[in-house]
Structure formats: C-alpha cells, structure tokens
C-alpha cells in the first residue's frame, strides 16, 4: 500500500512538472465527449456525463492558461475557473442518480445542489467587475484583496465535494441492495467504477487542502484518465444495450421498499403454498440456468406478482432473490460435477451451464454454500472435473 501511495505522488509530481500533461487531460476529455455523443440511444445520464467532461475540459484549459501564463494575454478569462470546482461533485451525484433510476435534474433538490456554485459566482462579481489591468494585478499578487474569497472557495470546494462523494457512495450502496432483490446476475450492474470515481473525487478535494493547484490538477488529469480507461468499458456509459426497463423497475421497487409487502395481501399460509409451487418449478423447469433471470421472469413463470414472489423468498427463505437463485445454481453445479461424464469439463464450463456469468460470483456463492473454495472442496474428494 505504501509503495502504491509513493508511486501515485511520483506520478503526480511528473505531471506537475510537465504542463503538457494538462493538455493531455484536456484532449482525453474532448475524446470522451465525442464517444458519448456518438453513442446510439443516448439517455439523460449520457448528456450529464458529456456535460461533466465538458466542464472538466474547460476547467483544465483555464488552468493550463493560468499555469503557462498565456491567460494574461486574455485577462478577462482570469477568474472564470473560480466557481467551477464545486460543479464536479454535483455532476458526479447527478450522474449516479440517473444511473440508479432517480433524476436529480427533475427535482427541486437540483437548485439546492447547485447552491455552492451559485454562491461562488455571486461572490466573484466584484472581481469580474474589475478592469483587465486590475484583474491581472490581483492574480500576479496571489489573490491580494480577495483572500476572503479564496478561503470561502476552499471551504465550499472541500465541503461540497466530500458531501457529494459520500452521497454518491450511499446511493450506489442502496442501488446494490435493490439489485439483489431483482437480478440473479448483478456483475455488470454494480457501478463499482462509479464508486471509485466518488473515492477519487474525495481524494482530489483532500489534495486541495494540503497541496497547491498544480498537484490538485495533476490529480484531475489522472481522474479524467481513469474515466477514459475504465468508463469506456462500462455498459451504462458508452453503449446502448442497457434496457430502459431495468431502470424503471429498479425505481418501482425502491419506491415500494418503505411499505415492503404491505400491499401484497399475502398471508403466511398463502406464502407457504407459493413456496411449494416455487420449489416444484425450480426443481423441474430449472429457470436458474438462465444467466439473465430476473424476479419478473420467475414471477411470470409462477403466474404471481413480483412483490408477492419477493415476499416469499425473503420471508420464507431469509434470502434475497439474488442469493436464492445463485444457491440453486451451486446445487446444480455440485450435481453436474458429481456425474462421471462431466470429468472432461472445467469448473467454469459447468458453472456457466448452471447460470453463472462470472467467476467472481461463482466463487463467492460456492464458498457461501460449502464453506470452501472450489479447489479446497474438490481436494477432499476424488477429482471429478478439471480446474
């Protein structure tokens, strides 16, 4: 861990010493905007991300001009970046809200979320009213006469940035809880990369407290690079095959959680009957072998309401839908692994046939079910299948 931190600061120092790195970050921002805008069937989240990348690019451009000194050729550009830092937390949270089924832009909270930015704009009006020569003098004298603004700006940057990062992490965790009650495969829907962005943005705001702007913006370049490397492979960002129904259904389920099962009208006796029907269906039809099985799919096979099925699984088994289905997949795997004709297949080949779509999920539920990893489990019995 210590070596990783050391390497990070060495890299930040390298970027700091080379102002071309800021232009590199600017070019990446522009490239990502183009990729997003070329995406088919764009949704509001895509436009939010494009707007964020545009803001990031403008921010880097203005800082590069200031760092290189070229901004003094255009003195009225001085100070334009002062309110911009607080927008990044807003974009992060708004983007996360869109991806998890809630639109911040449609709520009254949007204006409240933009309050730090509006405050910094209003407080900067006295500076914007200065002549070109006066603006230049203020910047050449390290903000002399506007020290009060710099203190307020730093406070709002750190406070809003950390607040938005924490709020984003909370929303992602809540999103995952909802997913476990609806999807049997959540590997590509967990928004882990967005969680990393929240941590990364929080780190940048902490850098703003202890280091100068060159280090902070070196962190911003790394942040943009991270989005380019990891975000480009994420289904919710640059590709159009994420079904709209998914987001709508997540929203419906999330909205119903406070009154969980209150309106299903399902009594204990009825729940027991549905449990018996569910067991018969699982044993005979084996719907769990469908890697994309959802709560709605299973409810349709049982001819019952998804909320009723969710109640049965949660109350009668004490499991989420995700846990319930993957437990069946492990049982299916163990049964298939015990058959001599399957010796020629690997663990994962059989796991995929049982409905698993990733090695991570398979290993997780195998250990939950057996208390051992696949390797440990099969070391204790005669070899049945290959690793």
Protein backbone atom coordinates (compact mmCIF):
# COMPACT_ATOMS: atom_id res chain seq x y z
CA UNK A 1 0.00 0.00 0.00
CA UNK A 2 2.86 2.36 0.91
CA UNK A 3 4.53 1.67 -2.45
CA UNK A 4 1.27 2.45 -4.28
CA UNK A 5 0.92 5.79 -2.48
CA UNK A 6 4.56 6.63 -3.21
CA UNK A 7 4.09 5.77 -6.90
CA UNK A 8 0.96 7.94 -7.03
CA UNK A 9 2.78 11.01 -5.72
CA UNK A 10 5.75 10.41 -8.03
CA UNK A 11 3.30 10.32 -10.95
CA UNK A 12 1.55 13.45 -9.70
CA UNK A 13 4.91 15.18 -9.46
CA UNK A 14 5.75 14.15 -13.01
CA UNK A 15 2.51 15.65 -14.30
CA UNK A 16 3.10 18.78 -12.25
CA UNK A 17 6.50 19.33 -13.85
CA UNK A 18 5.12 18.99 -17.38
CA UNK A 19 2.35 21.42 -18.27
CA UNK A 20 1.68 19.42 -21.47
CA UNK A 21 0.09 16.80 -19.24
CA UNK A 22 -2.77 19.21 -18.58
CA UNK A 23 -3.36 19.48 -22.33
CA UNK A 24 -3.31 15.68 -22.43
CA UNK A 25 -6.14 15.64 -19.88
CA UNK A 26 -7.99 18.22 -21.96
CA UNK A 27 -7.68 16.07 -25.10
CA UNK A 28 -8.97 13.00 -23.26
CA UNK A 29 -11.98 14.99 -22.08
CA UNK A 30 -12.73 16.03 -25.66
CA UNK A 31 -12.31 12.47 -26.92
CA UNK A 32 -14.71 11.11 -24.30
CA UNK A 33 -17.31 13.75 -25.19
CA UNK A 34 -17.14 12.64 -28.83
CA UNK A 35 -17.53 8.97 -27.85
CA UNK A 36 -20.55 9.74 -25.69
CA UNK A 37 -22.25 11.87 -28.34
CA UNK A 38 -21.69 9.16 -30.97
CA UNK A 39 -23.43 6.61 -28.77
CA UNK A 40 -26.80 5.42 -30.07
CA UNK A 41 -29.97 5.78 -27.99
CA UNK A 42 -28.47 8.30 -25.63
CA UNK A 43 -30.17 8.85 -22.29
CA UNK A 44 -30.12 11.74 -19.85
CA UNK A 45 -27.20 10.15 -17.99
CA UNK A 46 -25.10 10.29 -21.17
CA UNK A 47 -25.74 14.00 -21.62
CA UNK A 48 -24.88 14.59 -17.96
CA UNK A 49 -21.58 12.77 -18.40
CA UNK A 50 -20.84 14.73 -21.57
CA UNK A 51 -21.61 17.96 -19.70
CA UNK A 52 -19.31 16.87 -16.90
CA UNK A 53 -16.49 16.10 -19.32
CA UNK A 54 -17.03 19.49 -20.99
CA UNK A 55 -16.81 21.22 -17.62
CA UNK A 56 -13.69 19.20 -16.81
CA UNK A 57 -12.14 20.17 -20.15
CA UNK A 58 -12.90 23.87 -19.70
CA UNK A 59 -11.51 23.68 -16.17
CA UNK A 60 -8.26 22.09 -17.37
CA UNK A 61 -7.96 24.56 -20.25
CA UNK A 62 -8.35 27.59 -17.98
CA UNK A 63 -5.86 26.16 -15.51
CA UNK A 64 -3.37 25.42 -18.29
CA UNK A 65 -3.68 29.00 -19.50
CA UNK A 66 -3.10 30.25 -15.97
CA UNK A 67 -0.20 27.83 -15.32
CA UNK A 68 1.54 28.66 -18.60
CA UNK A 69 0.91 32.41 -18.24
CA UNK A 70 -0.95 32.66 -21.55
CA UNK A 71 -4.09 33.76 -19.69
CA UNK A 72 -2.56 37.22 -19.22
CA UNK A 73 -2.98 37.77 -22.95
CA UNK A 74 -6.72 37.39 -22.32
CA UNK A 75 -7.12 38.96 -18.86
CA UNK A 76 -10.90 38.79 -18.88
CA UNK A 77 -10.56 34.99 -18.74
CA UNK A 78 -8.96 35.39 -15.31
CA UNK A 79 -11.23 34.15 -12.57
CA UNK A 80 -13.58 32.19 -14.81
CA UNK A 81 -12.46 28.93 -13.25
CA UNK A 82 -13.04 30.07 -9.65
CA UNK A 83 -16.59 28.64 -9.28
CA UNK A 84 -16.00 25.56 -11.47
CA UNK A 85 -14.51 23.13 -8.89
CA UNK A 86 -17.78 22.76 -6.97
CA UNK A 87 -19.59 21.60 -10.13
CA UNK A 88 -17.72 18.29 -10.27
CA UNK A 89 -19.35 16.92 -7.13
CA UNK A 90 -22.75 17.95 -8.47
CA UNK A 91 -22.15 16.19 -11.80
CA UNK A 92 -20.93 13.04 -10.04
CA UNK A 93 -24.01 12.80 -7.85
CA UNK A 94 -26.45 13.75 -10.63
CA UNK A 95 -24.90 11.14 -12.93
CA UNK A 96 -25.09 8.46 -10.23
CA UNK A 97 -28.73 9.40 -9.57
CA UNK A 98 -29.60 8.94 -13.26
CA UNK A 99 -27.89 5.56 -13.44
CA UNK A 100 -29.71 4.33 -10.34
CA UNK A 101 -33.16 5.32 -11.54
CA UNK A 102 -33.72 8.77 -10.00
CA UNK A 103 -33.42 12.06 -11.84
CA UNK A 104 -31.88 14.82 -9.74
CA UNK A 105 -32.49 17.29 -12.56
CA UNK A 106 -36.25 16.80 -12.26
CA UNK A 107 -36.32 17.50 -8.53
CA UNK A 108 -36.23 20.73 -6.55
CA UNK A 109 -33.05 19.48 -4.94
CA UNK A 110 -31.18 20.29 -8.17
CA UNK A 111 -31.13 24.01 -7.37
CA UNK A 112 -30.07 23.27 -3.80
CA UNK A 113 -27.25 21.07 -5.13
CA UNK A 114 -26.08 23.95 -7.32
CA UNK A 115 -26.11 26.42 -4.42
CA UNK A 116 -22.31 26.27 -3.75
CA UNK A 117 -21.67 27.11 -7.42
CA UNK A 118 -24.18 29.98 -7.41
CA UNK A 119 -22.70 31.36 -4.17
CA UNK A 120 -19.19 31.40 -5.65
CA UNK A 121 -20.46 33.09 -8.82
CA UNK A 122 -22.25 35.82 -6.83
CA UNK A 123 -19.28 36.38 -4.51
CA UNK A 124 -16.97 36.66 -7.56
CA UNK A 125 -18.98 39.52 -9.09
CA UNK A 126 -16.75 42.22 -7.50
CA UNK A 127 -13.74 40.60 -9.16
CA UNK A 128 -15.46 40.21 -12.51
CA UNK A 129 -16.25 43.92 -12.42
CA UNK A 130 -12.56 44.88 -12.29
CA UNK A 131 -10.67 46.16 -15.30
CA UNK A 132 -8.28 43.88 -17.18
CA UNK A 133 -5.28 45.53 -15.52
CA UNK A 134 -6.80 45.17 -12.05
CA UNK A 135 -7.60 41.50 -12.60
CA UNK A 136 -4.05 40.87 -13.75
CA UNK A 137 -2.67 42.63 -10.67
CA UNK A 138 -4.80 40.51 -8.34
CA UNK A 139 -3.58 37.26 -9.89
CA UNK A 140 0.04 38.33 -10.07
CA UNK A 141 -0.16 39.17 -6.37
CA UNK A 142 -1.62 35.78 -5.47
CA UNK A 143 -5.16 36.99 -4.88
CA UNK A 144 -4.33 40.06 -2.82
CA UNK A 145 -7.51 41.80 -1.79
CA UNK A 146 -9.60 38.67 -2.37
CA UNK A 147 -8.14 36.43 0.34
CA UNK A 148 -11.64 36.18 1.85
CA UNK A 149 -12.94 34.71 -1.41
CA UNK A 150 -10.16 32.13 -1.54
CA UNK A 151 -10.99 30.93 1.98
CA UNK A 152 -14.71 30.65 1.21
CA UNK A 153 -13.93 28.94 -2.10
CA UNK A 154 -11.68 26.34 -0.45
CA UNK A 155 -14.27 25.65 2.25
CA UNK A 156 -17.08 25.18 -0.26
CA UNK A 157 -14.92 23.04 -2.55
CA UNK A 158 -13.98 20.62 0.23
CA UNK A 159 -17.40 20.61 1.93
CA UNK A 160 -19.49 20.16 -1.22
CA UNK A 161 -17.02 17.73 -2.78
CA UNK A 162 -16.94 15.41 0.23
CA UNK A 163 -20.71 15.73 0.71
CA UNK A 164 -21.45 14.78 -2.89
CA UNK A 165 -18.93 11.93 -2.79
CA UNK A 166 -20.47 10.47 0.37
CA UNK A 167 -24.00 10.93 -1.01
CA UNK A 168 -22.94 9.15 -4.22
CA UNK A 169 -21.47 6.22 -2.28
CA UNK A 170 -24.67 5.94 -0.23
CA UNK A 171 -26.81 5.95 -3.39
CA UNK A 172 -24.67 3.24 -5.01
CA UNK A 173 -24.94 1.04 -1.91
CA UNK A 174 -28.72 1.50 -1.89
CA UNK A 175 -28.80 0.69 -5.60
CA UNK A 176 -26.98 -2.59 -4.94
CA UNK A 177 -29.48 -3.61 -2.29
CA UNK A 178 -32.29 -3.14 -4.79
CA UNK A 179 -30.43 -5.10 -7.47
CA UNK A 180 -30.06 -8.12 -5.18
CA UNK A 181 -33.81 -8.28 -4.86
CA UNK A 182 -34.42 -8.20 -8.60
CA UNK A 183 -31.49 -9.62 -10.61
CA UNK A 184 -29.84 -13.03 -10.41
CA UNK A 185 -26.76 -11.62 -12.17
CA UNK A 186 -25.54 -8.24 -10.92
CA UNK A 187 -21.90 -8.34 -12.01
CA UNK A 188 -22.19 -5.59 -14.66
CA UNK A 189 -24.78 -3.55 -12.79
CA UNK A 190 -22.98 -2.80 -9.52
CA UNK A 191 -21.46 0.52 -10.70
CA UNK A 192 -18.15 -0.26 -8.97
CA UNK A 193 -16.28 2.11 -11.28
CA UNK A 194 -18.60 4.94 -10.23
CA UNK A 195 -17.81 4.12 -6.61
CA UNK A 196 -14.12 4.51 -7.45
CA UNK A 197 -14.90 7.89 -9.03
CA UNK A 198 -16.54 9.01 -5.78
CA UNK A 199 -13.47 7.99 -3.79
CA UNK A 200 -11.20 9.62 -6.39
CA UNK A 201 -13.08 12.91 -6.30
CA UNK A 202 -12.98 12.92 -2.50
CA UNK A 203 -9.21 12.40 -2.70
CA UNK A 204 -8.83 15.35 -5.07
CA UNK A 205 -10.66 17.61 -2.62
CA UNK A 206 -8.36 16.43 0.16
CA UNK A 207 -5.37 17.25 -2.05
CA UNK A 208 -6.81 20.76 -2.37
CA UNK A 209 -6.40 21.23 1.39
CA UNK A 210 -2.75 20.18 1.63
CA UNK A 211 -1.21 20.88 -1.79
CA UNK A 212 -1.05 23.63 -4.40
CA UNK A 213 -3.13 23.81 -7.57
CA UNK A 214 -0.54 22.05 -9.72
CA UNK A 215 -0.79 18.86 -7.64
CA UNK A 216 -4.58 19.13 -7.48
CA UNK A 217 -4.90 19.45 -11.26
CA UNK A 218 -2.43 16.62 -11.74
CA UNK A 219 -4.96 14.59 -9.78
CA UNK A 220 -7.71 15.86 -12.10
CA UNK A 221 -5.73 14.63 -15.13
CA UNK A 222 -5.47 11.19 -13.53
CA UNK A 223 -9.19 11.34 -12.75
CA UNK A 224 -10.07 12.01 -16.41
CA UNK A 225 -7.67 9.27 -17.50
CA UNK A 226 -9.42 6.85 -15.13
CA UNK A 227 -12.80 7.66 -16.68
CA UNK A 228 -11.32 7.09 -20.13
CA UNK A 229 -9.76 3.72 -19.26
CA UNK A 230 -12.49 2.20 -17.09
CA UNK A 231 -15.60 4.10 -18.12
CA UNK A 232 -15.22 3.20 -21.79
CA UNK A 233 -15.84 -0.46 -20.92
CA UNK A 234 -18.94 0.17 -18.85
CA UNK A 235 -22.33 -0.71 -20.34
CA UNK A 236 -24.20 2.22 -18.70
CA UNK A 237 -21.80 4.78 -20.18
CA UNK A 238 -20.76 4.27 -23.78
CA UNK A 239 -23.06 1.52 -25.00
CA UNK A 240 -26.78 1.47 -25.68
CA UNK A 241 -27.71 -2.10 -24.67
CA UNK A 242 -28.76 -1.31 -21.09
CA UNK A 243 -32.56 -1.79 -21.11
CA UNK A 244 -34.62 1.18 -20.03
CA UNK A 245 -37.00 -1.24 -18.30
CA UNK A 246 -34.22 -2.07 -15.85
CA UNK A 247 -34.01 1.47 -14.53
CA UNK A 248 -37.78 1.85 -14.39
CA UNK A 249 -38.22 -1.40 -12.48
CA UNK A 250 -35.46 -0.50 -10.01
CA UNK A 251 -37.24 2.76 -9.33
CA UNK A 252 -40.55 0.99 -8.76
CA UNK A 253 -39.03 -1.47 -6.35
CA UNK A 254 -37.08 1.21 -4.48
CA UNK A 255 -40.23 3.31 -4.15
CA UNK A 256 -42.10 0.35 -2.67
CA UNK A 257 -39.49 -0.56 -0.06
CA UNK A 258 -40.80 1.61 2.80
CA UNK A 259 -44.06 -0.35 2.75
CA UNK A 260 -42.38 -3.62 1.89
CA UNK A 261 -45.01 -6.26 1.19
CA UNK A 262 -47.69 -4.22 3.00
CA UNK A 263 -49.96 -4.25 -0.06
CA UNK A 264 -49.31 -7.75 -1.37
CA UNK A 265 -52.09 -9.22 0.77
CA UNK A 266 -50.07 -12.43 1.09
CA UNK A 267 -50.67 -14.33 4.36
CA UNK A 268 -48.35 -16.92 5.86
CA UNK A 269 -50.46 -19.84 4.60
CA UNK A 270 -50.54 -18.45 1.07
CA UNK A 271 -46.80 -17.77 1.24
CA UNK A 272 -46.20 -21.41 2.17
CA UNK A 273 -48.28 -22.55 -0.81
CA UNK A 274 -46.37 -20.28 -3.17
CA UNK A 275 -43.13 -21.61 -1.68
CA UNK A 276 -44.16 -25.17 -2.57
CA UNK A 277 -45.03 -24.12 -6.13
CA UNK A 278 -41.72 -22.28 -6.38
CA UNK A 279 -39.78 -25.35 -5.23
CA UNK A 280 -41.51 -27.56 -7.80
CA UNK A 281 -40.80 -25.04 -10.55
CA UNK A 282 -37.13 -24.71 -9.58
CA UNK A 283 -36.61 -28.48 -9.48
CA UNK A 284 -38.47 -29.31 -12.69
CA UNK A 285 -38.01 -26.30 -15.01
CA UNK A 286 -34.61 -25.16 -13.64
CA UNK A 287 -35.08 -21.48 -14.52
CA UNK A 288 -31.89 -20.67 -12.56
CA UNK A 289 -29.84 -21.96 -15.50
CA UNK A 290 -30.88 -18.78 -17.34
CA UNK A 291 -27.99 -16.44 -16.59
CA UNK A 292 -30.15 -13.33 -17.08
CA UNK A 293 -33.08 -14.48 -14.92
CA UNK A 294 -34.89 -11.65 -13.11
CA UNK A 295 -37.55 -11.52 -10.41
CA UNK A 296 -40.12 -10.56 -13.06
CA UNK A 297 -39.16 -13.55 -15.21
CA UNK A 298 -39.57 -16.00 -12.35
CA UNK A 299 -42.85 -14.39 -11.22
CA UNK A 300 -44.21 -14.74 -14.76
CA UNK A 301 -43.42 -18.47 -14.72
CA UNK A 302 -45.31 -18.81 -11.43
CA UNK A 303 -48.17 -16.54 -12.55
CA UNK A 304 -47.80 -14.35 -9.47
CA UNK A 305 -46.94 -10.71 -8.77
CA UNK A 306 -43.19 -9.95 -8.40
CA UNK A 307 -43.79 -8.33 -4.99
CA UNK A 308 -45.50 -11.50 -3.77
CA UNK A 309 -42.65 -13.66 -5.02
CA UNK A 310 -40.15 -11.32 -3.37
CA UNK A 311 -42.05 -11.68 -0.08
CA UNK A 312 -41.98 -15.48 -0.34
CA UNK A 313 -38.23 -15.59 -0.97
CA UNK A 314 -37.39 -13.02 1.71
CA UNK A 315 -39.71 -14.21 4.48
CA UNK A 316 -39.70 -17.96 3.88
CA UNK A 317 -36.03 -18.40 2.98
CA UNK A 318 -34.47 -15.33 4.58
CA UNK A 319 -32.63 -14.60 1.33
CA UNK A 320 -32.62 -12.03 -1.41
CA UNK A 321 -33.68 -13.11 -4.89
CA UNK A 322 -30.04 -12.93 -5.99
CA UNK A 323 -28.88 -15.17 -3.13
CA UNK A 324 -31.74 -17.63 -3.61
CA UNK A 325 -31.13 -18.17 -7.33
CA UNK A 326 -27.36 -18.45 -7.00
CA UNK A 327 -27.75 -21.01 -4.22
CA UNK A 328 -29.74 -23.15 -6.66
CA UNK A 329 -27.01 -22.68 -9.25
CA UNK A 330 -24.42 -24.02 -6.80
CA UNK A 331 -26.59 -27.07 -6.09
CA UNK A 332 -26.92 -27.60 -9.83
CA UNK A 333 -23.15 -27.29 -10.23
CA UNK A 334 -22.44 -29.86 -7.50
CA UNK A 335 -24.90 -32.28 -9.06
CA UNK A 336 -23.33 -31.89 -12.50
CA UNK A 337 -19.78 -32.12 -11.10
CA UNK A 338 -20.62 -35.46 -9.50
CA UNK A 339 -21.50 -37.02 -12.86
CA UNK A 340 -18.60 -39.04 -14.37
CA UNK A 341 -19.38 -37.87 -17.92
CA UNK A 342 -18.57 -34.29 -16.86
CA UNK A 343 -14.94 -35.03 -15.92
CA UNK A 344 -13.79 -33.50 -19.21
CA UNK A 345 -15.23 -30.07 -18.34
CA UNK A 346 -13.65 -27.31 -16.25
CA UNK A 347 -15.25 -25.70 -13.19
CA UNK A 348 -16.27 -22.62 -15.11
CA UNK A 349 -17.65 -24.53 -18.09
CA UNK A 350 -20.11 -26.25 -15.77
CA UNK A 351 -20.72 -23.06 -13.80
CA UNK A 352 -21.78 -21.25 -16.98
CA UNK A 353 -24.16 -24.10 -17.80
CA UNK A 354 -25.69 -23.65 -14.34
CA UNK A 355 -26.41 -19.97 -14.96
CA UNK A 356 -23.35 -18.19 -13.61
CA UNK A 357 -21.98 -15.40 -15.79
CA UNK A 358 -18.78 -14.65 -13.89
CA UNK A 359 -16.09 -16.48 -11.98
CA UNK A 360 -16.29 -13.97 -9.13
CA UNK A 361 -19.97 -14.65 -8.42
CA UNK A 362 -19.46 -18.40 -8.77
CA UNK A 363 -16.57 -18.46 -6.29
CA UNK A 364 -18.45 -16.22 -3.85
CA UNK A 365 -21.57 -18.38 -3.71
CA UNK A 366 -19.66 -21.65 -3.81
CA UNK A 367 -17.88 -20.65 -0.60
CA UNK A 368 -21.12 -19.40 0.97
CA UNK A 369 -22.78 -22.73 0.16
CA UNK A 370 -19.97 -25.14 1.03
CA UNK A 371 -17.67 -23.12 3.29
CA UNK A 372 -14.76 -23.84 0.94
CA UNK A 373 -13.37 -22.65 -2.36
CA UNK A 374 -13.90 -24.97 -5.35
CA UNK A 375 -10.25 -26.08 -5.20
CA UNK A 376 -10.43 -26.85 -1.47
CA UNK A 377 -13.74 -28.67 -1.85
CA UNK A 378 -12.62 -30.99 -4.62
CA UNK A 379 -9.26 -31.71 -3.00
CA UNK A 380 -11.14 -33.58 -0.28
CA UNK A 381 -12.93 -35.89 -2.71
CA UNK A 382 -11.73 -37.82 -5.79
CA UNK A 383 -11.11 -35.45 -8.71
CA UNK A 384 -14.30 -35.10 -10.68
CA UNK A 385 -13.65 -32.23 -13.03
CA UNK A 386 -10.69 -30.20 -14.15
CA UNK A 387 -9.74 -26.78 -12.84
